[in-house]
Each structure stands twice: as C-alpha cells, then as structure tokens.
Amino acid sequence: MRPVLPLRVGVLSFAHYHANFWSEVFAARGVLAGIWDDDPARGREAADRFGTAFHVSLDALLAQSNAVAICSETSRHADLVDAAARQRCAVLCEKPLGTNLADCERIVRAVEVGGLFFMQSFPKRFDPATHRLREAVQGGELGRITLARVRHGHFYGLQPDFRERWYA
C-alpha cells in the first residue's frame, strides 16, 4: 500500500459535499487529489469549484490517490471499489453498500483480497449528540417512544451553498 502521508484523496462521481469537506477540513493533513465523474461537465464544474483537477480517466485519478471517497449511485459502488482495490487505494464508500447481496459480497471480496482499509460512511455513528440520544432512549429517560422525527445540524464548510442549506 502507498504511504499514508500526505493523504491524497480522490472523489469518485458527483459529490459536492465530499469535495467540499476534503478541500477544506483536511487541507492541513491531505490533498484533494482530484475528482472523477462519468459526466465530464458535472465533474469539471465540481473540480473548478473546489480548486482541484478533473480526471477523465478513473485509473489516472486512482494512480495519484492513496484513498478515495466513493459518492456515486449505489448501483456503481462495486465497480468503483474494484477499481480502487486494483490501485490499492483505501476506500470511504457512501451508504448503502450495494443494491443487492451479490454486489455487497463482491465489495467484501475486493477489500479482503486487496487488503484495503475500507469504511462505510455512517456519519452519525461517532456524533456525541447521537450517542447521548441513544443512551437516553435505551435508558428509558424519554419514556415509551412511538414516533420520532429527528433533524440534526452539521458543519458543511465555508462555501455558501453548503453553509446556508440543511442536509440530512
């Protein structure tokens, strides 16, 4: 596997939130290596917006990255994890993992055979407020819950399009 530092993250497919995150939050620890998207206009627009390169070739971006954020439609996750595994890139993959069991098993095989670091994106798992809410529910502090509707804020970076909107 390639050296971990500096972290060079490639963003695969349309993902303004992820590109925004990697371009700002980890600027001190890593580099947004570039964006690949099978829609060149969309990919170029995102790359321009976040000050990084657009790659027409997925393999070219993977060769310059040691980690990728896979932000595509779920039906494409298995193909993109396979491509990342061939280049030995660590993978952060959006949820859900796949659209069917065969694709999920294919992803697991690619990760195991490639010996990759892999993480499924589950952003609320480590959130302190989520932990506290879970404890309160499990401990009975809130009584018997029959219906819940939850909205949770989040820091979405310096770009106004992210700061001024609410995302779930």
Foldseek 3Di string as FASTA:
>chain_A
DDDPPQAEEEEEADDLLVLQCCLPVCPVRYHPAAYEHCPVVRRVVSCVVSVHYYDPDPLVSLLRGQAYEYDDPQQCQLVSLLSNLVSNHAYEYEPDNHDDPVSNVSNVVSCVVSVHHYHYDDPCPPPPVSVVVVCCVVVCVPPDDDDDDDADADDRHDDCVRRVDGDD
